[in-house]
Amino acid sequence: MSKIKTRPFDMANYLGSEEEITEYLRQVLEDGDPCELAAALGDVARARGMTQLARDTGLSRESLYKSLSGERAPSSDTLLKVIRALGFHLTIEPVEQPQ
């Protein structure tokens, strides 16, 4: 009997375009989970290159890997630095209230 070799799923392997990255982050933000947002930003960072993100944010690669693991919610300072360095900004819109 032969064994099938598998590897863990890594979303970073499927983020090939800016449109895919933008839609991915938009969907994650809709859920409102800060740990999930951190993990998604980590996926984007790995897809684009963690070394460059470390340079752009002034944070160490180790710190970024820990902060963007999704195991905990990073500080708002770290999140904002990463979001800006990845070329994004956050906008605020009112939530439509049911009538």
PDB file of N, CA and C in Angstrom:
ATOM      1  N   MET A   1       0.831  -1.164   0.000  1.00  0.00           N
ATOM      2  CA  MET A   1       0.000   0.000   0.000  1.00  0.00           C
ATOM      3  C   MET A   1       0.894   1.252   0.000  1.00  0.00           C
ATOM      4  N   SER A   2       0.655   2.158  -0.935  1.00  0.00           N
ATOM      5  CA  SER A   2       1.472   3.366  -1.005  1.00  0.00           C
ATOM      6  C   SER A   2       0.841   4.479  -0.177  1.00  0.00           C
ATOM      7  N   LYS A   3       1.680   5.300   0.353  1.00  0.00           N
ATOM      8  CA  LYS A   3       1.216   6.415   1.160  1.00  0.00           C
ATOM      9  C   LYS A   3       1.127   7.660   0.288  1.00  0.00           C
ATOM     10  N   ILE A   4       0.111   8.443   0.541  1.00  0.00           N
ATOM     11  CA  ILE A   4      -0.054   9.706  -0.151  1.00  0.00           C
ATOM     12  C   ILE A   4       0.628  10.777   0.685  1.00  0.00           C
ATOM     13  N   LYS A   5       1.503  11.529   0.048  1.00  0.00           N
ATOM     14  CA  LYS A   5       2.181  12.601   0.760  1.00  0.00           C
ATOM     15  C   LYS A   5       1.350  13.871   0.623  1.00  0.00           C
ATOM     16  N   THR A   6       1.138  14.505   1.742  1.00  0.00           N
ATOM     17  CA  THR A   6       0.394  15.763   1.747  1.00  0.00           C
ATOM     18  C   THR A   6       1.214  16.815   2.467  1.00  0.00           C
ATOM     19  N   ARG A   7       0.838  18.047   2.266  1.00  0.00           N
ATOM     20  CA  ARG A   7       1.466  19.130   3.000  1.00  0.00           C
ATOM     21  C   ARG A   7       0.369  20.040   3.520  1.00  0.00           C
ATOM     22  N   PRO A   8       0.652  20.760   4.583  1.00  0.00           N
ATOM     23  CA  PRO A   8      -0.375  21.638   5.149  1.00  0.00           C
ATOM     24  C   PRO A   8      -0.797  22.710   4.143  1.00  0.00           C
ATOM     25  N   PHE A   9      -2.063  23.083   4.213  1.00  0.00           N
ATOM     26  CA  PHE A   9      -2.588  24.141   3.357  1.00  0.00           C
ATOM     27  C   PHE A   9      -1.959  25.460   3.762  1.00  0.00           C
ATOM     28  N   ASP A  10      -1.523  26.244   2.797  1.00  0.00           N
ATOM     29  CA  ASP A  10      -0.964  27.575   3.058  1.00  0.00           C
ATOM     30  C   ASP A  10      -1.600  28.552   2.086  1.00  0.00           C
ATOM     31  N   MET A  11      -2.444  29.430   2.607  1.00  0.00           N
ATOM     32  CA  MET A  11      -3.156  30.394   1.779  1.00  0.00           C
ATOM     33  C   MET A  11      -2.208  31.265   0.972  1.00  0.00           C
ATOM     34  N   ALA A  12      -1.018  31.514   1.477  1.00  0.00           N
ATOM     35  CA  ALA A  12      -0.045  32.358   0.775  1.00  0.00           C
ATOM     36  C   ALA A  12       0.248  31.833  -0.626  1.00  0.00           C
ATOM     37  N   ASN A  13       0.119  30.534  -0.815  1.00  0.00           N
ATOM     38  CA  ASN A  13       0.365  29.936  -2.135  1.00  0.00           C
ATOM     39  C   ASN A  13      -0.733  30.255  -3.141  1.00  0.00           C
ATOM     40  N   TYR A  14      -1.840  30.805  -2.682  1.00  0.00           N
ATOM     41  CA  TYR A  14      -2.995  31.050  -3.553  1.00  0.00           C
ATOM     42  C   TYR A  14      -3.315  32.530  -3.709  1.00  0.00           C
ATOM     43  N   LEU A  15      -2.423  33.365  -3.252  1.00  0.00           N
ATOM     44  CA  LEU A  15      -2.621  34.812  -3.360  1.00  0.00           C
ATOM     45  C   LEU A  15      -1.693  35.349  -4.444  1.00  0.00           C
ATOM     46  N   GLY A  16      -2.112  35.174  -5.685  1.00  0.00           N
ATOM     47  CA  GLY A  16      -1.248  35.495  -6.811  1.00  0.00           C
ATOM     48  C   GLY A  16      -1.429  36.877  -7.406  1.00  0.00           C
ATOM     49  N   SER A  17      -2.503  37.551  -7.072  1.00  0.00           N
ATOM     50  CA  SER A  17      -2.735  38.869  -7.663  1.00  0.00           C
ATOM     51  C   SER A  17      -3.199  39.844  -6.589  1.00  0.00           C
ATOM     52  N   GLU A  18      -3.078  41.118  -6.897  1.00  0.00           N
ATOM     53  CA  GLU A  18      -3.538  42.142  -5.961  1.00  0.00           C
ATOM     54  C   GLU A  18      -5.042  42.048  -5.734  1.00  0.00           C
ATOM     55  N   GLU A  19      -5.779  41.681  -6.768  1.00  0.00           N
ATOM     56  CA  GLU A  19      -7.233  41.538  -6.631  1.00  0.00           C
ATOM     57  C   GLU A  19      -7.571  40.415  -5.662  1.00  0.00           C
ATOM     58  N   GLU A  20      -6.862  39.291  -5.769  1.00  0.00           N
ATOM     59  CA  GLU A  20      -7.101  38.167  -4.856  1.00  0.00           C
ATOM     60  C   GLU A  20      -6.750  38.546  -3.420  1.00  0.00           C
ATOM     61  N   ILE A  21      -5.646  39.256  -3.250  1.00  0.00           N
ATOM     62  CA  ILE A  21      -5.228  39.678  -1.913  1.00  0.00           C
ATOM     63  C   ILE A  21      -6.252  40.636  -1.315  1.00  0.00           C
ATOM     64  N   THR A  22      -6.681  41.608  -2.111  1.00  0.00           N
ATOM     65  CA  THR A  22      -7.649  42.592  -1.629  1.00  0.00           C
ATOM     66  C   THR A  22      -8.959  41.931  -1.233  1.00  0.00           C
ATOM     67  N   GLU A  23      -9.453  41.030  -2.060  1.00  0.00           N
ATOM     68  CA  GLU A  23     -10.716  40.358  -1.744  1.00  0.00           C
ATOM     69  C   GLU A  23     -10.573  39.471  -0.510  1.00  0.00           C
ATOM     70  N   TYR A  24      -9.459  38.793  -0.395  1.00  0.00           N
ATOM     71  CA  TYR A  24      -9.194  37.952   0.773  1.00  0.00           C
ATOM     72  C   TYR A  24      -9.238  38.785   2.052  1.00  0.00           C
ATOM     73  N   LEU A  25      -8.512  39.900   2.066  1.00  0.00           N
ATOM     74  CA  LEU A  25      -8.509  40.755   3.259  1.00  0.00           C
ATOM     75  C   LEU A  25      -9.872  41.352   3.519  1.00  0.00           C
ATOM     76  N   ARG A  26     -10.601  41.704   2.477  1.00  0.00           N
ATOM     77  CA  ARG A  26     -11.948  42.258   2.651  1.00  0.00           C
ATOM     78  C   ARG A  26     -12.859  41.232   3.342  1.00  0.00           C
ATOM     79  N   GLN A  27     -12.791  39.993   2.900  1.00  0.00           N
ATOM     80  CA  GLN A  27     -13.618  38.946   3.502  1.00  0.00           C
ATOM     81  C   GLN A  27     -13.248  38.720   4.970  1.00  0.00           C
ATOM     82  N   VAL A  28     -11.968  38.712   5.263  1.00  0.00           N
ATOM     83  CA  VAL A  28     -11.518  38.502   6.639  1.00  0.00           C
ATOM     84  C   VAL A  28     -11.972  39.650   7.531  1.00  0.00           C
ATOM     85  N   LEU A  29     -11.872  40.871   7.047  1.00  0.00           N
ATOM     86  CA  LEU A  29     -12.305  42.026   7.837  1.00  0.00           C
ATOM     87  C   LEU A  29     -13.794  41.967   8.151  1.00  0.00           C
ATOM     88  N   GLU A  30     -14.569  41.428   7.237  1.00  0.00           N
ATOM     89  CA  GLU A  30     -16.019  41.325   7.462  1.00  0.00           C
ATOM     90  C   GLU A  30     -16.336  40.448   8.662  1.00  0.00           C
ATOM     91  N   ASP A  31     -15.488  39.451   8.911  1.00  0.00           N
ATOM     92  CA  ASP A  31     -15.717  38.551  10.051  1.00  0.00           C
ATOM     93  C   ASP A  31     -15.448  39.246  11.384  1.00  0.00           C
ATOM     94  N   GLY A  32     -14.552  40.231  11.390  1.00  0.00           N
ATOM     95  CA  GLY A  32     -14.308  41.011  12.595  1.00  0.00           C
ATOM     96  C   GLY A  32     -13.457  40.343  13.660  1.00  0.00           C
ATOM     97  N   ASP A  33     -12.725  39.293  13.318  1.00  0.00           N
ATOM     98  CA  ASP A  33     -11.886  38.592  14.290  1.00  0.00           C
ATOM     99  C   ASP A  33     -10.443  39.091  14.155  1.00  0.00           C
ATOM    100  N   PRO A  34      -9.895  39.766  15.189  1.00  0.00           N
ATOM    101  CA  PRO A  34      -8.541  40.307  15.077  1.00  0.00           C
ATOM    102  C   PRO A  34      -7.458  39.243  14.882  1.00  0.00           C
ATOM    103  N   CYS A  35      -7.638  38.072  15.457  1.00  0.00           N
ATOM    104  CA  CYS A  35      -6.659  36.998  15.255  1.00  0.00           C
ATOM    105  C   CYS A  35      -6.690  36.510  13.809  1.00  0.00           C
ATOM    106  N   GLU A  36      -7.890  36.417  13.256  1.00  0.00           N
ATOM    107  CA  GLU A  36      -8.025  36.008  11.854  1.00  0.00           C
ATOM    108  C   GLU A  36      -7.419  37.057  10.929  1.00  0.00           C
ATOM    109  N   LEU A  37      -7.602  38.335  11.244  1.00  0.00           N
ATOM    110  CA  LEU A  37      -6.996  39.402  10.461  1.00  0.00           C
ATOM    111  C   LEU A  37      -5.478  39.302  10.516  1.00  0.00           C
ATOM    112  N   ALA A  38      -4.938  39.085  11.701  1.00  0.00           N
ATOM    113  CA  ALA A  38      -3.488  38.944  11.842  1.00  0.00           C
ATOM    114  C   ALA A  38      -2.971  37.782  10.999  1.00  0.00           C
ATOM    115  N   ALA A  39      -3.658  36.657  11.039  1.00  0.00           N
ATOM    116  CA  ALA A  39      -3.246  35.489  10.256  1.00  0.00           C
ATOM    117  C   ALA A  39      -3.333  35.783   8.761  1.00  0.00           C
ATOM    118  N   ALA A  40      -4.379  36.479   8.335  1.00  0.00           N
ATOM    119  CA  ALA A  40      -4.526  36.815   6.914  1.00  0.00           C
ATOM    120  C   ALA A  40      -3.423  37.759   6.463  1.00  0.00           C
ATOM    121  N   LEU A  41      -3.080  38.741   7.300  1.00  0.00           N
ATOM    122  CA  LEU A  41      -1.969  39.630   6.964  1.00  0.00           C
ATOM    123  C   LEU A  41      -0.665  38.842   6.888  1.00  0.00           C
ATOM    124  N   GLY A  42      -0.527  37.837   7.741  1.00  0.00           N
ATOM    125  CA  GLY A  42       0.639  36.955   7.663  1.00  0.00           C
ATOM    126  C   GLY A  42       0.673  36.185   6.359  1.00  0.00           C
ATOM    127  N   ASP A  43      -0.479  35.720   5.900  1.00  0.00           N
ATOM    128  CA  ASP A  43      -0.553  35.032   4.603  1.00  0.00           C
ATOM    129  C   ASP A  43      -0.096  35.951   3.471  1.00  0.00           C
ATOM    130  N   VAL A  44      -0.582  37.181   3.502  1.00  0.00           N
ATOM    131  CA  VAL A  44      -0.215  38.154   2.471  1.00  0.00           C
ATOM    132  C   VAL A  44       1.277  38.468   2.558  1.00  0.00           C
ATOM    133  N   ALA A  45       1.773  38.627   3.764  1.00  0.00           N
ATOM    134  CA  ALA A  45       3.197  38.924   3.945  1.00  0.00           C
ATOM    135  C   ALA A  45       4.067  37.801   3.401  1.00  0.00           C
ATOM    136  N   ARG A  46       3.682  36.555   3.647  1.00  0.00           N
ATOM    137  CA  ARG A  46       4.458  35.423   3.121  1.00  0.00           C
ATOM    138  C   ARG A  46       4.355  35.353   1.602  1.00  0.00           C
ATOM    139  N   ALA A  47       3.194  35.684   1.061  1.00  0.00           N
ATOM    140  CA  ALA A  47       3.019  35.668  -0.395  1.00  0.00           C
ATOM    141  C   ALA A  47       3.896  36.725  -1.061  1.00  0.00           C
ATOM    142  N   ARG A  48       4.062  37.861  -0.412  1.00  0.00           N
ATOM    143  CA  ARG A  48       4.842  38.964  -0.984  1.00  0.00           C
ATOM    144  C   ARG A  48       6.302  38.955  -0.552  1.00  0.00           C
ATOM    145  N   GLY A  49       6.585  38.392   0.600  1.00  0.00           N
ATOM    146  CA  GLY A  49       7.954  38.361   1.105  1.00  0.00           C
ATOM    147  C   GLY A  49       8.059  39.009   2.466  1.00  0.00           C
ATOM    148  N   MET A  50       8.295  38.200   3.473  1.00  0.00           N
ATOM    149  CA  MET A  50       8.351  38.677   4.850  1.00  0.00           C
ATOM    150  C   MET A  50       9.566  39.576   5.078  1.00  0.00           C
ATOM    151  N   THR A  51      10.664  39.314   4.383  1.00  0.00           N
ATOM    152  CA  THR A  51      11.866  40.125   4.568  1.00  0.00           C
ATOM    153  C   THR A  51      11.611  41.576   4.184  1.00  0.00           C
ATOM    154  N   GLN A  52      10.947  41.784   3.058  1.00  0.00           N
ATOM    155  CA  GLN A  52      10.654  43.143   2.625  1.00  0.00           C
ATOM    156  C   GLN A  52       9.699  43.830   3.597  1.00  0.00           C
ATOM    157  N   LEU A  53       8.711  43.090   4.096  1.00  0.00           N
ATOM    158  CA  LEU A  53       7.784  43.662   5.064  1.00  0.00           C
ATOM    159  C   LEU A  53       8.525  44.083   6.333  1.00  0.00           C
ATOM    160  N   ALA A  54       9.477  43.272   6.771  1.00  0.00           N
ATOM    161  CA  ALA A  54      10.275  43.619   7.955  1.00  0.00           C
ATOM    162  C   ALA A  54      11.015  44.935   7.714  1.00  0.00           C
ATOM    163  N   ARG A  55      11.590  45.082   6.544  1.00  0.00           N
ATOM    164  CA  ARG A  55      12.285  46.341   6.220  1.00  0.00           C
ATOM    165  C   ARG A  55      11.316  47.513   6.234  1.00  0.00           C
ATOM    166  N   ASP A  56      10.160  47.322   5.601  1.00  0.00           N
ATOM    167  CA  ASP A  56       9.193  48.410   5.451  1.00  0.00           C
ATOM    168  C   ASP A  56       8.552  48.833   6.778  1.00  0.00           C
ATOM    169  N   THR A  57       8.419  47.912   7.702  1.00  0.00           N
ATOM    170  CA  THR A  57       7.780  48.233   8.988  1.00  0.00           C
ATOM    171  C   THR A  57       8.779  48.584  10.078  1.00  0.00           C
ATOM    172  N   GLY A  58      10.029  48.181   9.898  1.00  0.00           N
ATOM    173  CA  GLY A  58      11.020  48.380  10.952  1.00  0.00           C
ATOM    174  C   GLY A  58      10.918  47.340  12.051  1.00  0.00           C
ATOM    175  N   LEU A  59      10.136  46.296  11.826  1.00  0.00           N
ATOM    176  CA  LEU A  59       9.984  45.208  12.793  1.00  0.00           C
ATOM    177  C   LEU A  59      10.818  44.018  12.341  1.00  0.00           C
ATOM    178  N   SER A  60      11.238  43.188  13.271  1.00  0.00           N
ATOM    179  CA  SER A  60      12.029  42.009  12.902  1.00  0.00           C
ATOM    180  C   SER A  60      11.133  40.946  12.260  1.00  0.00           C
ATOM    181  N   ARG A  61      11.742  40.100  11.446  1.00  0.00           N
ATOM    182  CA  ARG A  61      10.988  38.999  10.837  1.00  0.00           C
ATOM    183  C   ARG A  61      10.392  38.105  11.910  1.00  0.00           C
ATOM    184  N   GLU A  62      11.165  37.804  12.953  1.00  0.00           N
ATOM    185  CA  GLU A  62      10.669  36.968  14.048  1.00  0.00           C
ATOM    186  C   GLU A  62       9.427  37.565  14.681  1.00  0.00           C
ATOM    187  N   SER A  63       9.501  38.857  14.952  1.00  0.00           N
ATOM    188  CA  SER A  63       8.366  39.553  15.558  1.00  0.00           C
ATOM    189  C   SER A  63       7.153  39.499  14.639  1.00  0.00           C
ATOM    190  N   LEU A  64       7.374  39.691  13.351  1.00  0.00           N
ATOM    191  CA  LEU A  64       6.260  39.643  12.401  1.00  0.00           C
ATOM    192  C   LEU A  64       5.651  38.242  12.340  1.00  0.00           C
ATOM    193  N   TYR A  65       6.484  37.223  12.274  1.00  0.00           N
ATOM    194  CA  TYR A  65       5.951  35.858  12.230  1.00  0.00           C
ATOM    195  C   TYR A  65       5.097  35.576  13.465  1.00  0.00           C
ATOM    196  N   LYS A  66       5.554  36.003  14.637  1.00  0.00           N
ATOM    197  CA  LYS A  66       4.779  35.792  15.864  1.00  0.00           C
ATOM    198  C   LYS A  66       3.491  36.608  15.856  1.00  0.00           C
ATOM    199  N   SER A  67       3.615  37.878  15.494  1.00  0.00           N
ATOM    200  CA  SER A  67       2.447  38.768  15.517  1.00  0.00           C
ATOM    201  C   SER A  67       1.392  38.375  14.500  1.00  0.00           C
ATOM    202  N   LEU A  68       1.827  37.828  13.376  1.00  0.00           N
ATOM    203  CA  LEU A  68       0.903  37.517  12.283  1.00  0.00           C
ATOM    204  C   LEU A  68       0.595  36.026  12.177  1.00  0.00           C
ATOM    205  N   SER A  69       0.796  35.308  13.261  1.00  0.00           N
ATOM    206  CA  SER A  69       0.538  33.865  13.263  1.00  0.00           C
ATOM    207  C   SER A  69      -0.950  33.546  13.388  1.00  0.00           C
ATOM    208  N   GLY A  70      -1.715  34.478  13.958  1.00  0.00           N
ATOM    209  CA  GLY A  70      -3.126  34.218  14.206  1.00  0.00           C
ATOM    210  C   GLY A  70      -3.390  33.578  15.549  1.00  0.00           C
ATOM    211  N   GLU A  71      -2.326  33.318  16.296  1.00  0.00           N
ATOM    212  CA  GLU A  71      -2.490  32.714  17.620  1.00  0.00           C
ATOM    213  C   GLU A  71      -2.908  33.735  18.666  1.00  0.00           C
ATOM    214  N   ARG A  72      -2.617  34.993  18.387  1.00  0.00           N
ATOM    215  CA  ARG A  72      -3.007  36.067  19.297  1.00  0.00           C
ATOM    216  C   ARG A  72      -3.239  37.320  18.458  1.00  0.00           C
ATOM    217  N   ALA A  73      -3.927  38.256  19.031  1.00  0.00           N
ATOM    218  CA  ALA A  73      -4.174  39.517  18.335  1.00  0.00           C
ATOM    219  C   ALA A  73      -2.992  40.450  18.590  1.00  0.00           C
ATOM    220  N   PRO A  74      -2.327  40.903  17.531  1.00  0.00           N
ATOM    221  CA  PRO A  74      -1.210  41.830  17.725  1.00  0.00           C
ATOM    222  C   PRO A  74      -1.712  43.211  18.146  1.00  0.00           C
ATOM    223  N   SER A  75      -0.792  44.048  18.552  1.00  0.00           N
ATOM    224  CA  SER A  75      -1.166  45.408  18.944  1.00  0.00           C
ATOM    225  C   SER A  75      -1.697  46.160  17.727  1.00  0.00           C
ATOM    226  N   SER A  76      -2.500  47.170  17.997  1.00  0.00           N
ATOM    227  CA  SER A  76      -3.020  47.982  16.899  1.00  0.00           C
ATOM    228  C   SER A  76      -1.879  48.677  16.169  1.00  0.00           C
ATOM    229  N   ASP A  77      -0.828  49.050  16.879  1.00  0.00           N
ATOM    230  CA  ASP A  77       0.336  49.676  16.252  1.00  0.00           C
ATOM    231  C   ASP A  77       0.946  48.739  15.204  1.00  0.00           C
ATOM    232  N   THR A  78       1.141  47.483  15.574  1.00  0.00           N
ATOM    233  CA  THR A  78       1.706  46.510  14.636  1.00  0.00           C
ATOM    234  C   THR A  78       0.772  46.297  13.453  1.00  0.00           C
ATOM    235  N   LEU A  79      -0.522  46.115  13.727  1.00  0.00           N
ATOM    236  CA  LEU A  79      -1.478  45.919  12.631  1.00  0.00           C
ATOM    237  C   LEU A  79      -1.457  47.083  11.653  1.00  0.00           C
ATOM    238  N   LEU A  80      -1.474  48.296  12.160  1.00  0.00           N
ATOM    239  CA  LEU A  80      -1.483  49.462  11.280  1.00  0.00           C
ATOM    240  C   LEU A  80      -0.188  49.594  10.488  1.00  0.00           C
ATOM    241  N   LYS A  81       0.951  49.311  11.107  1.00  0.00           N
ATOM    242  CA  LYS A  81       2.231  49.347  10.393  1.00  0.00           C
ATOM    243  C   LYS A  81       2.229  48.333   9.245  1.00  0.00           C
ATOM    244  N   VAL A  82       1.754  47.132   9.535  1.00  0.00           N
ATOM    245  CA  VAL A  82       1.739  46.069   8.525  1.00  0.00           C
ATOM    246  C   VAL A  82       0.778  46.424   7.398  1.00  0.00           C
ATOM    247  N   ILE A  83      -0.410  46.885   7.738  1.00  0.00           N
ATOM    248  CA  ILE A  83      -1.396  47.232   6.722  1.00  0.00           C
ATOM    249  C   ILE A  83      -0.848  48.316   5.798  1.00  0.00           C
ATOM    250  N   ARG A  84      -0.250  49.354   6.376  1.00  0.00           N
ATOM    251  CA  ARG A  84       0.334  50.437   5.563  1.00  0.00           C
ATOM    252  C   ARG A  84       1.481  49.925   4.708  1.00  0.00           C
ATOM    253  N   ALA A  85       2.366  49.123   5.300  1.00  0.00           N
ATOM    254  CA  ALA A  85       3.528  48.614   4.565  1.00  0.00           C
ATOM    255  C   ALA A  85       3.123  47.699   3.412  1.00  0.00           C
ATOM    256  N   LEU A  86       1.987  47.022   3.558  1.00  0.00           N
ATOM    257  CA  LEU A  86       1.491  46.160   2.476  1.00  0.00           C
ATOM    258  C   LEU A  86       0.761  46.971   1.399  1.00  0.00           C
ATOM    259  N   GLY A  87       0.617  48.270   1.629  1.00  0.00           N
ATOM    260  CA  GLY A  87       0.007  49.129   0.621  1.00  0.00           C
ATOM    261  C   GLY A  87      -1.500  49.263   0.730  1.00  0.00           C
ATOM    262  N   PHE A  88      -2.024  49.046   1.916  1.00  0.00           N
ATOM    263  CA  PHE A  88      -3.469  49.145   2.135  1.00  0.00           C
ATOM    264  C   PHE A  88      -3.763  50.222   3.169  1.00  0.00           C
ATOM    265  N   HIS A  89      -5.014  50.626   3.251  1.00  0.00           N
ATOM    266  CA  HIS A  89      -5.483  51.485   4.327  1.00  0.00           C
ATOM    267  C   HIS A  89      -6.876  51.012   4.719  1.00  0.00           C
ATOM    268  N   LEU A  90      -7.233  51.313   5.933  1.00  0.00           N
ATOM    269  CA  LEU A  90      -8.553  50.937   6.430  1.00  0.00           C
ATOM    270  C   LEU A  90      -9.502  52.115   6.252  1.00  0.00           C
ATOM    271  N   THR A  91     -10.725  51.798   5.947  1.00  0.00           N
ATOM    272  CA  THR A  91     -11.756  52.831   5.894  1.00  0.00           C
ATOM    273  C   THR A  91     -12.891  52.427   6.822  1.00  0.00           C
ATOM    274  N   ILE A  92     -13.620  53.410   7.282  1.00  0.00           N
ATOM    275  CA  ILE A  92     -14.726  53.169   8.195  1.00  0.00           C
ATOM    276  C   ILE A  92     -16.019  53.542   7.483  1.00  0.00           C
ATOM    277  N   GLU A  93     -16.990  52.648   7.554  1.00  0.00           N
ATOM    278  CA  GLU A  93     -18.307  52.889   6.982  1.00  0.00           C
ATOM    279  C   GLU A  93     -19.346  52.498   8.012  1.00  0.00           C
ATOM    280  N   PRO A  94     -20.455  53.205   8.034  1.00  0.00           N
ATOM    281  CA  PRO A  94     -21.507  52.808   8.967  1.00  0.00           C
ATOM    282  C   PRO A  94     -22.118  51.474   8.532  1.00  0.00           C
ATOM    283  N   VAL A  95     -22.512  50.696   9.508  1.00  0.00           N
ATOM    284  CA  VAL A  95     -23.195  49.442   9.240  1.00  0.00           C
ATOM    285  C   VAL A  95     -24.660  49.756   8.987  1.00  0.00           C
ATOM    286  N   GLU A  96     -25.197  49.191   7.936  1.00  0.00           N
ATOM    287  CA  GLU A  96     -26.607  49.425   7.664  1.00  0.00           C
ATOM    288  C   GLU A  96     -27.448  48.753   8.729  1.00  0.00           C
ATOM    289  N   GLN A  97     -28.343  49.496   9.324  1.00  0.00           N
ATOM    290  CA  GLN A  97     -29.210  48.975  10.360  1.00  0.00           C
ATOM    291  C   GLN A  97     -30.503  48.473   9.716  1.00  0.00           C
ATOM    292  N   PRO A  98     -30.996  47.320  10.143  1.00  0.00           N
ATOM    293  CA  PRO A  98     -32.257  46.832   9.603  1.00  0.00           C
ATOM    294  C   PRO A  98     -33.395  47.790   9.949  1.00  0.00           C
ATOM    295  N   GLN A  99     -34.290  47.960   9.041  1.00  0.00           N
ATOM    296  CA  GLN A  99     -35.399  48.913   9.251  1.00  0.00           C
ATOM    297  C   GLN A  99     -36.609  48.217   9.807  1.00  0.00           C
TER     298      GLN A  99
END
